[in-house]
Amino acid sequence: MKKTLILMIVCLGFQMVSAQKTEVAEREQKSFLKELAEVKKEQQNPINSLLTAADVGEPDSFGKNVKFLGTAVTGVVYVYRSCDAQILLDEVEVTLGADDRCIAHTGGATSSAVFNDLGRITIPGRSADNVIYFILNNTVSSETQNNFANALPVFMSYIPRITIESAALNDPTALDPTTGQPLNGVLTVTAFGARVFNKTIPAGDFEFFYDTYSSAATRGFARSYFADLGLPPAVVNNLYRQPMTIKLGMRVSVQNITSGQYLYAMRLTGN
């Protein structure tokens, strides 16, 4: 009987200790979850609520994580004496793809062309909260052969352009910052990465120019950027809530360029 009583007392003691340990563990878990909730709340609230643009440049993006949003690439814009498909194939072994373009240039006066849809990417609505940021990887090449007895002026201008298409820009209050006219769903802006040269090549000389380089936006397509363009807050909010198609384009101008190739790829991130 005594042995049984002692055994019961020992078991009861183990149960009490085990219960105490469980209670302590539950308290610690609740404390941890409370701290975790407070941390999440702080992250959701602007840690930068007391910061200004003068402090960090862009308070709405300060401290936020970056998300990869995709890549897009242009076709190639060719410059040659003719854009005839057979001549391009026979003389420079080029067959134009769906997004490739050609500028026929035989020298003399400047030839220019603007292309607004050489490549594209659609970003789903609500993919980014404050900014869509982009980096361009540009490739520019030109060559000139001066077969004349006199020096030859040579000019080349390459300017990337980006077009945004969105139903949000159909709002009648969304106006073109230059013309003041309704955007009608489309906004085109110049991107970073322009290359321009203007020089004279001596008689009988040949010159080849090739450059591959990256160019990055300062703010990218941030809310503050669109606000500075004069778009109302309601339009900017809808712009981020709805799908946004970004089309890649460029403006190319040449004078006395024998042949040239121009293209770029774009990498997009956001927060």
Protein backbone atom coordinates (compact mmCIF):
# COMPACT_ATOMS: atom_id res chain seq x y z
CA MET A 1 0.00 0.00 0.00
CA LYS A 2 2.81 2.39 0.95
CA LYS A 3 4.62 1.65 -2.33
CA THR A 4 1.48 2.38 -4.30
CA LEU A 5 0.95 5.67 -2.45
CA ILE A 6 4.55 6.73 -3.03
CA LEU A 7 4.23 5.89 -6.72
CA MET A 8 1.07 7.95 -6.98
CA ILE A 9 2.76 10.92 -5.29
CA VAL A 10 5.76 10.68 -7.64
CA CYS A 11 3.48 10.54 -10.74
CA LEU A 12 1.49 13.48 -9.46
CA GLY A 13 4.71 15.44 -9.00
CA PHE A 14 5.82 14.69 -12.55
CA GLN A 15 2.42 15.80 -13.85
CA MET A 16 2.61 19.09 -11.93
CA VAL A 17 6.14 19.79 -13.23
CA SER A 18 5.08 18.90 -16.76
CA ALA A 19 2.04 21.19 -16.49
CA GLN A 20 4.21 24.03 -15.22
CA LYS A 21 6.65 23.55 -18.12
CA THR A 22 3.76 23.53 -20.61
CA GLU A 23 2.35 26.72 -19.07
CA VAL A 24 5.74 28.44 -19.27
CA ALA A 25 6.16 27.33 -22.91
CA GLU A 26 2.70 28.66 -23.79
CA ARG A 27 3.50 32.02 -22.14
CA GLU A 28 6.79 32.24 -24.05
CA GLN A 29 5.07 31.36 -27.31
CA LYS A 30 2.38 34.01 -26.77
CA SER A 31 5.07 36.57 -25.94
CA PHE A 32 6.98 35.65 -29.09
CA LEU A 33 3.86 35.88 -31.28
CA LYS A 34 3.03 39.26 -29.75
CA GLU A 35 6.52 40.56 -30.52
CA LEU A 36 6.31 39.16 -34.04
CA ALA A 37 2.95 40.90 -34.61
CA GLU A 38 4.42 44.18 -33.40
CA VAL A 39 7.38 43.81 -35.77
CA LYS A 40 5.04 43.12 -38.70
CA LYS A 41 2.92 46.11 -37.74
CA GLU A 42 6.01 48.32 -37.69
CA GLN A 43 7.00 47.00 -41.12
CA GLN A 44 3.56 47.70 -42.51
CA ASN A 45 3.56 51.20 -41.07
CA PRO A 46 5.88 53.69 -42.71
CA ILE A 47 9.19 53.28 -40.88
CA ASN A 48 9.92 56.46 -42.71
CA SER A 49 6.88 58.37 -41.49
CA LEU A 50 9.15 61.03 -40.04
CA LEU A 51 11.44 61.09 -43.07
CA THR A 52 11.16 63.62 -45.86
CA ALA A 53 12.33 63.75 -49.46
CA ALA A 54 15.18 65.92 -48.23
CA ASP A 55 16.30 63.06 -45.97
CA VAL A 56 16.26 60.07 -48.34
CA GLY A 57 14.98 61.35 -51.69
CA GLU A 58 12.00 59.00 -51.79
CA PRO A 59 10.39 58.23 -48.41
CA ASP A 60 7.70 55.96 -49.92
CA SER A 61 10.37 53.51 -51.10
CA PHE A 62 12.77 53.76 -48.18
CA GLY A 63 13.45 50.39 -46.56
CA LYS A 64 11.17 48.35 -48.83
CA ASN A 65 12.13 45.10 -50.52
CA VAL A 66 12.63 44.91 -54.28
CA LYS A 67 10.67 42.49 -56.49
CA PHE A 68 11.69 41.25 -59.91
CA LEU A 69 9.00 42.17 -62.46
CA GLY A 70 10.43 40.79 -65.71
CA THR A 71 12.53 41.62 -68.75
CA ALA A 72 11.86 42.81 -72.28
CA VAL A 73 14.08 43.31 -75.31
CA THR A 74 13.75 45.34 -78.49
CA GLY A 75 14.20 44.12 -82.00
CA VAL A 76 17.17 45.53 -83.89
CA VAL A 77 16.97 48.81 -85.78
CA TYR A 78 19.25 48.55 -88.83
CA VAL A 79 20.60 51.40 -90.90
CA TYR A 80 21.65 50.51 -94.45
CA ARG A 81 21.60 51.91 -97.97
CA SER A 82 18.41 49.93 -98.71
CA CYS A 83 15.74 48.13 -96.68
CA ASP A 84 14.89 45.75 -99.51
CA ALA A 85 14.72 42.27 -97.99
CA GLN A 86 16.85 40.67 -100.72
CA ILE A 87 19.53 43.35 -100.58
CA LEU A 88 19.76 43.03 -96.79
CA LEU A 89 20.09 39.27 -97.08
CA ASP A 90 22.62 39.30 -99.93
CA GLU A 91 24.85 42.10 -98.70
CA VAL A 92 24.74 41.99 -94.89
CA GLU A 93 23.09 38.58 -94.26
CA VAL A 94 20.17 40.12 -92.35
CA THR A 95 16.58 38.91 -92.35
CA LEU A 96 14.28 41.27 -90.46
CA GLY A 97 12.37 39.69 -87.56
CA ALA A 98 8.91 40.72 -86.36
CA ASP A 99 10.28 43.43 -84.06
CA ASP A 100 13.20 44.50 -86.27
CA ARG A 101 13.10 47.74 -88.25
CA CYS A 102 15.19 49.29 -91.02
CA ILE A 103 16.11 52.85 -91.97
CA ALA A 104 17.24 53.35 -95.56
CA HIS A 105 20.05 55.89 -95.70
CA THR A 106 22.30 56.72 -98.63
CA GLY A 107 24.13 59.68 -97.09
CA GLY A 108 23.68 63.40 -97.56
CA ALA A 109 20.75 64.72 -95.54
CA THR A 110 19.94 63.32 -92.09
CA SER A 111 17.55 60.35 -91.94
CA SER A 112 15.43 59.94 -88.82
CA ALA A 113 12.81 57.49 -87.59
CA VAL A 114 10.82 56.94 -84.38
CA PHE A 115 9.70 53.46 -83.35
CA ASN A 116 7.37 52.98 -80.36
CA ASP A 117 6.79 49.21 -80.33
CA LEU A 118 9.99 47.22 -80.74
CA GLY A 119 9.37 45.04 -77.68
CA ARG A 120 6.87 44.89 -74.83
CA ILE A 121 6.01 43.58 -71.38
CA THR A 122 2.75 43.64 -69.42
CA ILE A 123 2.95 44.04 -65.65
CA PRO A 124 -0.13 42.76 -63.76
CA GLY A 125 -2.06 45.20 -61.61
CA ARG A 126 -0.90 45.62 -57.99
CA SER A 127 2.53 44.18 -58.81
CA ALA A 128 4.23 47.23 -57.32
CA ASP A 129 3.16 49.67 -54.65
CA ASN A 130 5.27 52.74 -55.25
CA VAL A 131 7.77 52.35 -58.07
CA ILE A 132 8.55 50.35 -61.20
CA TYR A 133 12.28 50.66 -61.74
CA PHE A 134 14.14 49.81 -64.93
CA ILE A 135 17.68 49.29 -66.17
CA LEU A 136 18.56 49.29 -69.87
CA ASN A 137 21.39 47.34 -71.49
CA ASN A 138 22.10 49.21 -74.73
CA THR A 139 24.04 48.15 -77.82
CA VAL A 140 24.94 50.78 -80.40
CA SER A 141 27.13 50.26 -83.46
CA SER A 142 27.76 52.37 -86.55
CA GLU A 143 30.31 52.39 -89.35
CA THR A 144 31.19 54.92 -92.00
CA GLN A 145 33.27 54.59 -95.16
CA ASN A 146 34.27 57.93 -96.70
CA ASN A 147 34.82 57.24 -100.37
CA PHE A 148 34.86 60.92 -101.28
CA ALA A 149 37.79 63.25 -101.93
CA ASN A 150 36.68 65.63 -99.20
CA ALA A 151 36.06 65.28 -95.46
CA LEU A 152 32.64 63.91 -94.53
CA PRO A 153 30.41 65.13 -91.67
CA VAL A 154 29.01 62.20 -89.69
CA PHE A 155 26.18 62.31 -87.19
CA MET A 156 24.44 59.64 -85.12
CA SER A 157 21.77 59.96 -82.43
CA TYR A 158 20.24 57.04 -80.52
CA ILE A 159 17.53 57.79 -77.92
CA PRO A 160 15.57 55.04 -76.10
CA ARG A 161 11.86 55.71 -75.56
CA ILE A 162 9.27 54.01 -73.35
CA THR A 163 5.52 53.96 -73.90
CA ILE A 164 3.05 53.10 -71.12
CA GLU A 165 -0.39 51.84 -72.09
CA SER A 166 -3.01 51.56 -69.36
CA ALA A 167 -6.76 51.90 -69.00
CA ALA A 168 -6.02 54.25 -66.09
CA LEU A 169 -4.63 56.78 -68.58
CA ASN A 170 -8.02 56.94 -70.34
CA ASP A 171 -9.22 59.14 -67.50
CA PRO A 172 -10.08 62.57 -69.02
CA THR A 173 -8.06 64.24 -66.24
CA ALA A 174 -4.91 62.43 -67.43
CA LEU A 175 -3.33 65.06 -69.67
CA ASP A 176 -0.16 65.08 -71.72
CA PRO A 177 2.37 67.25 -69.79
CA THR A 178 3.63 68.80 -73.05
CA THR A 179 0.50 69.35 -75.13
CA GLY A 180 -2.15 69.49 -72.40
CA GLN A 181 -4.29 67.10 -74.44
CA PRO A 182 -5.86 63.87 -73.03
CA LEU A 183 -3.44 60.95 -73.01
CA ASN A 184 -6.13 58.55 -74.27
CA GLY A 185 -4.51 55.61 -72.53
CA VAL A 186 -0.94 56.18 -73.78
CA LEU A 187 2.06 58.00 -72.30
CA THR A 188 5.45 58.07 -74.07
CA VAL A 189 8.61 59.31 -72.35
CA THR A 190 12.34 59.35 -73.09
CA ALA A 191 14.49 56.83 -71.19
CA PHE A 192 18.08 57.16 -70.01
CA GLY A 193 20.84 55.86 -72.28
CA ALA A 194 21.04 58.25 -75.24
CA ARG A 195 24.21 58.23 -77.38
CA VAL A 196 25.09 61.05 -79.77
CA PHE A 197 28.19 61.77 -81.79
CA ASN A 198 28.91 64.41 -84.39
CA LYS A 199 32.30 64.46 -86.12
CA THR A 200 34.15 64.76 -89.42
CA ILE A 201 35.88 61.83 -91.13
CA PRO A 202 38.82 62.54 -93.49
CA ALA A 203 38.70 61.58 -97.17
CA GLY A 204 39.26 57.88 -97.80
CA ASP A 205 38.96 57.02 -94.11
CA PHE A 206 36.88 54.29 -92.43
CA GLU A 207 35.52 54.46 -88.90
CA PHE A 208 33.69 51.91 -86.78
CA PHE A 209 31.89 52.79 -83.55
CA TYR A 210 30.62 50.13 -81.11
CA ASP A 211 29.38 50.57 -77.56
CA THR A 212 27.50 48.34 -75.14
CA TYR A 213 26.54 49.89 -71.81
CA SER A 214 23.90 50.01 -69.10
CA SER A 215 21.74 52.96 -68.19
CA ALA A 216 19.48 53.22 -65.16
CA ALA A 217 16.58 55.44 -64.23
CA THR A 218 16.85 57.75 -61.23
CA ARG A 219 13.33 57.33 -59.84
CA GLY A 220 11.88 55.02 -62.46
CA PHE A 221 8.10 55.04 -62.74
CA ALA A 222 7.50 56.16 -59.16
CA ARG A 223 4.30 57.71 -57.87
CA SER A 224 6.21 60.95 -57.37
CA TYR A 225 7.35 60.82 -61.01
CA PHE A 226 3.78 60.62 -62.32
CA ALA A 227 2.70 63.31 -59.87
CA ASP A 228 5.42 65.60 -61.21
CA LEU A 229 4.01 65.02 -64.71
CA GLY A 230 0.75 66.46 -63.46
CA LEU A 231 -1.29 63.25 -63.23
CA PRO A 232 -3.98 63.45 -60.48
CA PRO A 233 -3.61 61.12 -57.44
CA ALA A 234 -6.67 59.08 -58.50
CA VAL A 235 -5.12 58.39 -61.90
CA VAL A 236 -1.78 57.42 -60.35
CA ASN A 237 -3.50 55.05 -57.91
CA ASN A 238 -5.41 53.36 -60.74
CA LEU A 239 -2.21 53.12 -62.77
CA TYR A 240 -0.73 50.82 -60.11
CA ARG A 241 -3.95 48.88 -59.56
CA GLN A 242 -4.47 47.93 -63.20
CA PRO A 243 -2.29 46.07 -65.73
CA MET A 244 0.38 48.25 -67.33
CA THR A 245 1.86 47.45 -70.73
CA ILE A 246 5.31 48.93 -71.31
CA LYS A 247 6.45 49.16 -74.93
CA LEU A 248 10.08 49.67 -75.83
CA GLY A 249 10.99 52.09 -78.58
CA MET A 250 13.68 54.44 -79.78
CA ARG A 251 14.45 57.40 -81.99
CA VAL A 252 17.40 57.03 -84.37
CA SER A 253 18.90 59.77 -86.54
CA VAL A 254 21.90 59.33 -88.85
CA GLN A 255 23.90 61.24 -91.41
CA ASN A 256 26.51 59.60 -93.63
CA ILE A 257 26.36 56.33 -91.67
CA THR A 258 27.15 53.40 -93.97
CA SER A 259 25.53 50.86 -91.67
CA GLY A 260 24.32 50.70 -88.09
CA GLN A 261 22.58 48.50 -85.54
CA TYR A 262 20.73 49.68 -82.40
CA LEU A 263 18.93 47.71 -79.68
CA TYR A 264 18.43 47.40 -75.93
CA ALA A 265 17.09 45.05 -73.27
CA MET A 266 15.20 46.19 -70.19
CA ARG A 267 15.10 44.64 -66.72
CA LEU A 268 12.29 45.76 -64.39
CA THR A 269 11.97 45.63 -60.62
CA GLY A 270 9.54 47.24 -58.22
CA ASN A 271 8.46 47.68 -54.61
